[in-house]
Protein backbone atom coordinates (compact mmCIF):
# COMPACT_ATOMS: atom_id res chain seq x y z
CA UNK A 1 -30.24 10.14 -1.21
CA UNK A 2 -29.91 8.46 -4.56
CA UNK A 3 -28.86 5.34 -3.86
CA UNK A 4 -31.67 2.85 -2.60
CA UNK A 5 -31.66 1.46 0.99
CA UNK A 6 -29.99 -2.19 1.38
CA UNK A 7 -31.60 -2.62 4.59
CA UNK A 8 -34.07 -0.61 6.73
CA UNK A 9 -34.43 -1.25 10.62
CA UNK A 10 -33.19 -0.43 14.19
CA UNK A 11 -29.68 -1.07 16.40
CA UNK A 12 -30.49 -2.42 19.25
CA UNK A 13 -27.97 -1.77 22.17
CA UNK A 14 -29.49 -3.17 25.31
CA UNK A 15 -32.59 -1.40 25.67
CA UNK A 16 -31.55 1.69 23.12
CA UNK A 17 -33.19 1.62 19.82
CA UNK A 18 -31.79 3.22 17.05
CA UNK A 19 -33.66 3.58 13.42
CA UNK A 20 -31.26 3.13 10.73
CA UNK A 21 -30.95 3.38 6.90
CA UNK A 22 -28.07 1.29 5.43
CA UNK A 23 -26.85 1.88 2.09
CA UNK A 24 -24.03 0.28 -0.05
CA UNK A 25 -20.79 2.03 0.12
CA UNK A 26 -19.13 0.81 -2.97
CA UNK A 27 -20.57 0.38 -6.74
CA UNK A 28 -19.34 -1.37 -9.75
CA UNK A 29 -16.27 0.17 -11.20
CA UNK A 30 -16.22 0.37 -15.20
CA UNK A 31 -16.37 -2.88 -16.83
CA UNK A 32 -16.53 -4.14 -20.36
CA UNK A 33 -18.57 -7.06 -21.37
CA UNK A 34 -18.37 -9.38 -24.15
CA UNK A 35 -20.82 -11.35 -26.10
CA UNK A 36 -19.95 -14.43 -28.53
CA UNK A 37 -20.17 -13.72 -32.11
CA UNK A 38 -20.52 -16.80 -34.40
CA UNK A 39 -17.41 -15.06 -36.77
CA UNK A 40 -19.18 -16.21 -40.15
CA UNK A 41 -22.59 -14.81 -39.72
CA UNK A 42 -21.63 -12.34 -37.65
CA UNK A 43 -25.00 -13.38 -34.86
CA UNK A 44 -24.38 -13.52 -31.18
CA UNK A 45 -24.48 -17.13 -29.61
CA UNK A 46 -27.39 -18.09 -27.93
CA UNK A 47 -27.59 -20.36 -25.40
CA UNK A 48 -30.75 -23.17 -24.82
CA UNK A 49 -31.62 -25.16 -21.87
CA UNK A 50 -31.01 -28.67 -22.93
CA UNK A 51 -31.32 -32.25 -21.52
CA UNK A 52 -29.01 -35.34 -22.54
CA UNK A 53 -31.11 -37.48 -24.85
CA UNK A 54 -34.10 -34.61 -24.90
CA UNK A 55 -32.78 -31.89 -26.46
CA UNK A 56 -34.29 -28.54 -25.47
CA UNK A 57 -36.91 -28.17 -22.71
CA UNK A 58 -38.87 -25.59 -21.58
CA UNK A 59 -38.36 -23.04 -18.76
CA UNK A 60 -41.16 -24.45 -16.15
CA UNK A 61 -40.14 -27.82 -16.40
CA UNK A 62 -36.74 -27.08 -14.28
CA UNK A 63 -36.69 -27.08 -10.63
CA UNK A 64 -33.71 -27.10 -8.22
CA UNK A 65 -31.79 -30.07 -7.23
CA UNK A 66 -28.96 -31.06 -4.62
CA UNK A 67 -26.78 -33.53 -5.57
CA UNK A 68 -26.23 -36.30 -2.81
CA UNK A 69 -24.20 -38.78 -4.88
CA UNK A 70 -23.35 -38.88 -8.27
CA UNK A 71 -26.32 -38.87 -10.67
CA UNK A 72 -28.49 -38.75 -7.42
CA UNK A 73 -30.17 -35.47 -6.57
CA UNK A 74 -32.70 -34.30 -3.99
CA UNK A 75 -35.32 -32.41 -5.76
CA UNK A 76 -36.57 -28.93 -4.16
CA UNK A 77 -39.64 -26.78 -5.25
CA UNK A 78 -39.04 -23.31 -4.94
CA UNK A 79 -41.69 -22.63 -2.45
CA UNK A 80 -39.91 -25.22 0.24
CA UNK A 81 -36.48 -23.18 -0.26
CA UNK A 82 -38.48 -20.07 0.22
CA UNK A 83 -40.22 -21.63 4.19
CA UNK A 84 -36.46 -22.16 5.25
CA UNK A 85 -35.43 -18.47 4.57
CA UNK A 86 -34.58 -17.02 7.97
CA UNK A 87 -37.16 -13.88 8.36
CA UNK A 88 -35.42 -10.68 7.44
CA UNK A 89 -36.32 -9.12 10.68
CA UNK A 90 -35.81 -5.50 11.64
CA UNK A 91 -33.12 -5.72 14.28
CA UNK A 92 -29.93 -5.67 14.15
CA UNK A 93 -28.70 -6.32 17.68
CA UNK A 94 -25.22 -5.66 18.98
CA UNK A 95 -24.10 -8.62 20.94
CA UNK A 96 -20.57 -7.93 21.13
CA UNK A 97 -17.52 -5.64 21.38
CA UNK A 98 -13.98 -6.21 20.22
CA UNK A 99 -10.96 -4.76 19.33
CA UNK A 100 -10.51 -3.94 16.02
CA UNK A 101 -7.10 -5.19 15.82
CA UNK A 102 -8.39 -8.58 16.73
CA UNK A 103 -10.09 -9.09 13.32
CA UNK A 104 -8.24 -10.36 10.71
CA UNK A 105 -8.38 -8.27 7.58
CA UNK A 106 -10.03 -11.68 5.37
CA UNK A 107 -12.89 -11.41 7.52
CA UNK A 108 -14.33 -8.19 6.31
CA UNK A 109 -16.30 -8.24 2.92
CA UNK A 110 -18.10 -5.10 1.91
CA UNK A 111 -18.48 -1.61 3.71
CA UNK A 112 -22.32 -0.03 4.36
CA UNK A 113 -22.78 3.18 5.06
CA UNK A 114 -24.98 3.59 8.04
CA UNK A 115 -27.32 6.58 8.19
CA UNK A 116 -29.90 7.92 11.63
CA UNK A 117 -33.37 7.08 9.95
CA UNK A 118 -34.66 10.69 11.44
CA UNK A 119 -33.82 13.55 13.12
CA UNK A 120 -35.16 11.73 16.51
CA UNK A 121 -32.78 9.09 15.73
CA UNK A 122 -29.63 11.42 15.63
CA UNK A 123 -28.73 11.93 19.17
CA UNK A 124 -28.59 8.12 19.99
CA UNK A 125 -26.13 7.36 16.90
CA UNK A 126 -24.21 9.96 17.96
CA UNK A 127 -23.43 8.63 21.05
CA UNK A 128 -23.00 5.24 19.86
CA UNK A 129 -20.84 6.79 16.95
CA UNK A 130 -18.46 8.37 20.53
CA UNK A 131 -18.39 5.67 22.60
CA UNK A 132 -17.36 3.68 19.86
CA UNK A 133 -14.50 5.80 18.77
CA UNK A 134 -13.19 6.43 22.31
CA UNK A 135 -13.45 2.87 23.14
CA UNK A 136 -11.76 1.80 20.32
CA UNK A 137 -13.51 -1.13 19.67
CA UNK A 138 -16.41 -2.40 16.75
CA UNK A 139 -19.59 -4.03 17.31
CA UNK A 140 -20.42 -7.18 16.30
CA UNK A 141 -24.13 -8.68 15.51
CA UNK A 142 -25.78 -10.67 12.79
CA UNK A 143 -28.21 -9.00 10.41
CA UNK A 144 -30.79 -11.18 8.83
CA UNK A 145 -31.62 -9.61 5.50
CA UNK A 146 -33.00 -11.67 1.80
CA UNK A 147 -33.36 -14.59 3.24
CA UNK A 148 -29.49 -14.94 4.95
CA UNK A 149 -28.08 -14.23 8.20
CA UNK A 150 -25.21 -12.19 7.86
CA UNK A 151 -22.05 -11.47 10.07
CA UNK A 152 -21.50 -7.86 10.48
CA UNK A 153 -19.37 -5.48 12.25
CA UNK A 154 -20.40 -1.33 13.10
CA UNK A 155 -16.88 1.05 13.65
CA UNK A 156 -17.03 4.70 13.49
CA UNK A 157 -16.28 6.66 10.21
CA UNK A 158 -16.13 10.37 10.51
CA UNK A 159 -19.22 11.70 11.26
CA UNK A 160 -20.91 8.66 10.42
CA UNK A 161 -20.75 4.94 10.87
CA UNK A 162 -19.74 1.68 8.53
CA UNK A 163 -21.28 -1.32 8.75
CA UNK A 164 -19.15 -4.03 7.02
CA UNK A 165 -20.70 -7.49 6.06
CA UNK A 166 -18.07 -10.42 7.20
CA UNK A 167 -17.12 -13.82 6.32
CA UNK A 168 -18.01 -16.92 8.33
CA UNK A 169 -14.79 -18.88 9.95
CA UNK A 170 -15.77 -21.38 6.90
CA UNK A 171 -15.26 -19.05 4.29
CA UNK A 172 -11.91 -18.31 5.17
CA UNK A 173 -9.19 -20.28 4.65
CA UNK A 174 -6.27 -20.95 6.90
CA UNK A 175 -3.02 -18.84 6.06
CA UNK A 176 -0.96 -22.16 6.91
CA UNK A 177 -1.43 -24.38 4.09
CA UNK A 178 0.26 -21.44 1.99
CA UNK A 179 3.00 -19.98 4.36
CA UNK A 180 4.12 -23.31 5.56
CA UNK A 181 7.24 -23.54 2.98
CA UNK A 182 8.44 -19.75 3.76
CA UNK A 183 11.58 -20.24 6.46
CA UNK A 184 11.09 -18.53 9.11
CA UNK A 185 14.71 -16.82 8.81
CA UNK A 186 15.24 -13.08 9.24
CA UNK A 187 17.02 -11.45 6.51
CA UNK A 188 20.43 -9.86 6.44
CA UNK A 189 20.25 -6.65 8.34
CA UNK A 190 21.66 -4.59 5.52
CA UNK A 191 19.13 -6.09 2.78
CA UNK A 192 16.66 -5.09 5.69
CA UNK A 193 17.92 -1.60 6.50
CA UNK A 194 17.67 -0.72 2.08
CA UNK A 195 13.94 -2.31 2.30
CA UNK A 196 12.76 -0.20 5.17
CA UNK A 197 14.71 2.82 3.31
CA UNK A 198 12.89 1.99 0.21
CA UNK A 199 9.55 1.74 1.91
CA UNK A 200 9.88 4.95 3.66
CA UNK A 201 11.10 6.75 0.11
CA UNK A 202 7.77 5.91 -1.51
CA UNK A 203 5.83 6.29 1.11
CA UNK A 204 3.18 8.58 0.83
CA UNK A 205 -0.74 9.42 1.91
CA UNK A 206 -3.64 7.14 -0.37
CA UNK A 207 -5.38 8.71 -2.99
CA UNK A 208 -7.52 6.40 -4.56
CA UNK A 209 -7.75 8.86 -7.62
CA UNK A 210 -4.32 8.24 -8.33
CA UNK A 211 -4.97 4.39 -9.45
CA UNK A 212 -6.46 3.37 -12.47
CA UNK A 213 -7.58 -0.09 -14.28
CA UNK A 214 -5.28 0.54 -16.67
CA UNK A 215 -6.63 -3.02 -18.51
CA UNK A 216 -10.47 -1.58 -18.99
CA UNK A 217 -8.29 1.96 -20.59
CA UNK A 218 -6.09 -0.11 -23.20
CA UNK A 219 -9.62 -2.10 -23.90
CA UNK A 220 -11.36 0.90 -24.68
CA UNK A 221 -8.83 2.18 -27.02
CA UNK A 222 -8.24 -1.19 -28.62
CA UNK A 223 -12.05 -0.77 -29.34
CA UNK A 224 -12.22 2.68 -30.68
CA UNK A 225 -8.77 1.95 -32.88
CA UNK A 226 -11.29 -1.31 -34.35
CA UNK A 227 -14.48 0.62 -34.94
CA UNK A 228 -12.23 3.30 -37.07
CA UNK A 229 -10.48 0.75 -38.61
CA UNK A 230 -13.73 -1.18 -39.48
CA UNK A 231 -13.12 -4.69 -38.13
CA UNK A 232 -9.35 -5.25 -39.10
CA UNK A 233 -7.48 -6.86 -36.18
CA UNK A 234 -4.81 -4.92 -34.46
CA UNK A 235 -2.46 -6.26 -32.32
CA UNK A 236 -1.60 -4.13 -29.38
CA UNK A 237 2.17 -3.83 -29.44
CA UNK A 238 2.88 -4.17 -24.78
CA UNK A 239 6.08 -4.39 -23.96
CA UNK A 240 6.84 -6.63 -20.74
CA UNK A 241 9.17 -5.30 -18.12
CA UNK A 242 12.61 -6.97 -18.33
CA UNK A 243 12.73 -9.60 -15.10
CA UNK A 244 15.87 -9.59 -13.18
CA UNK A 245 17.81 -13.18 -13.50
CA UNK A 246 19.67 -14.24 -10.31
CA UNK A 247 18.12 -14.65 -7.16
CA UNK A 248 21.50 -14.65 -5.20
CA UNK A 249 21.72 -12.02 -2.05
CA UNK A 250 24.56 -10.16 -4.38
CA UNK A 251 21.56 -9.12 -6.94
CA UNK A 252 19.16 -8.23 -4.65
CA UNK A 253 21.51 -5.74 -2.58
CA UNK A 254 22.82 -4.23 -5.75
CA UNK A 255 18.76 -4.10 -6.79
CA UNK A 256 18.12 -2.27 -3.54
CA UNK A 257 21.06 0.24 -3.76
CA UNK A 258 20.17 1.05 -7.09
CA UNK A 259 16.05 1.60 -6.16
CA UNK A 260 17.06 3.78 -3.12
CA UNK A 261 19.26 5.74 -5.30
CA UNK A 262 22.60 4.77 -4.20
CA UNK A 263 23.79 3.08 -7.66
CA UNK A 264 24.63 -0.50 -7.97
CA UNK A 265 27.27 -1.98 -6.30
CA UNK A 266 30.43 -2.23 -8.07
CA UNK A 267 30.96 -5.31 -9.44
CA UNK A 268 34.56 -7.05 -8.59
CA UNK A 269 36.97 -7.77 -11.62
CA UNK A 270 38.37 -10.78 -11.80
CA UNK A 271 41.71 -11.25 -11.92
CA UNK A 272 43.97 -11.37 -14.91
CA UNK A 273 45.56 -14.88 -15.53
CA UNK A 274 49.00 -15.07 -15.29
CA UNK A 275 50.80 -15.01 -18.53
CA UNK A 276 52.58 -18.08 -18.97
CA UNK A 277 56.20 -18.05 -19.32
CA UNK A 278 57.46 -19.57 -22.58
CA UNK A 279 58.66 -23.20 -21.94
CA UNK A 280 61.93 -23.17 -22.16
CA UNK A 281 63.61 -25.11 -25.63
CA UNK A 282 65.44 -28.46 -25.02
CA UNK A 283 68.85 -29.00 -26.44
CA UNK A 284 68.64 -30.83 -29.18
CA UNK A 285 69.90 -34.17 -28.88
CA UNK A 286 73.53 -34.88 -30.36
CA UNK A 287 73.80 -37.23 -33.19
CA UNK A 288 75.88 -40.35 -32.30
CA UNK A 289 79.57 -40.50 -33.44
CA UNK A 290 80.33 -42.40 -36.17
CA UNK A 291 83.09 -45.28 -35.37
CA UNK A 292 86.29 -45.20 -37.87
CA UNK A 293 86.83 -48.45 -39.55
């Protein structure tokens, strides 16, 4: 196995111990990193450690400090920090089992593959995998690694088991603060029916290879063009999709109907203004009769 093990030890369930190795299930995707360049000289910008009033300093003179009040720090030596790190135990004890649906997706952070360390561990490993499948539960425990204690879950995945590092409660923001102002009212039944029809129309099996990072691809094309243009500025013409205007129910209904292929709702024609009848001309006033002398 080419990947380097993230952790090696044993899973313990009561009196049963299963030697395992844990490997990262993900890897970093394509990324493009930039350096800051001094344009007049074309040289990369360097960074120095400086202290106000003193200027540049040696890295050997730097220690860690925790700010307890403005401008006041508790200074900590590297040895002191190392001394309080939790010892990386070689045992992951499963202390609780719970329904998978009871854990909010926000608590899951990063997946790892758990594999048996040797042939002797396979039987107990398979028993644990099948027991998790049959019960529909996930196992919870805490894994000590690299000086930290991580909350983790184990659940079956095909022939194997996946461990997911989880967030602690104080690492997850409560949703109420973001959703409090959103009304609880139910939508119009016709609108809801059109929306579910659109979802059914676009439902398909998930194929991760169908999705690509278009921003990275565009950057790669831009860099290639710049190489050929020998440094000339190139501005990509990216057209933004037109944003729908208006937010009333009639617009939403029309948009949903058009999305599911039913066409937009016909707009009602405004009634033509009634033609005004020409005003009747008033008879001209008669001139007063002249008196005879």
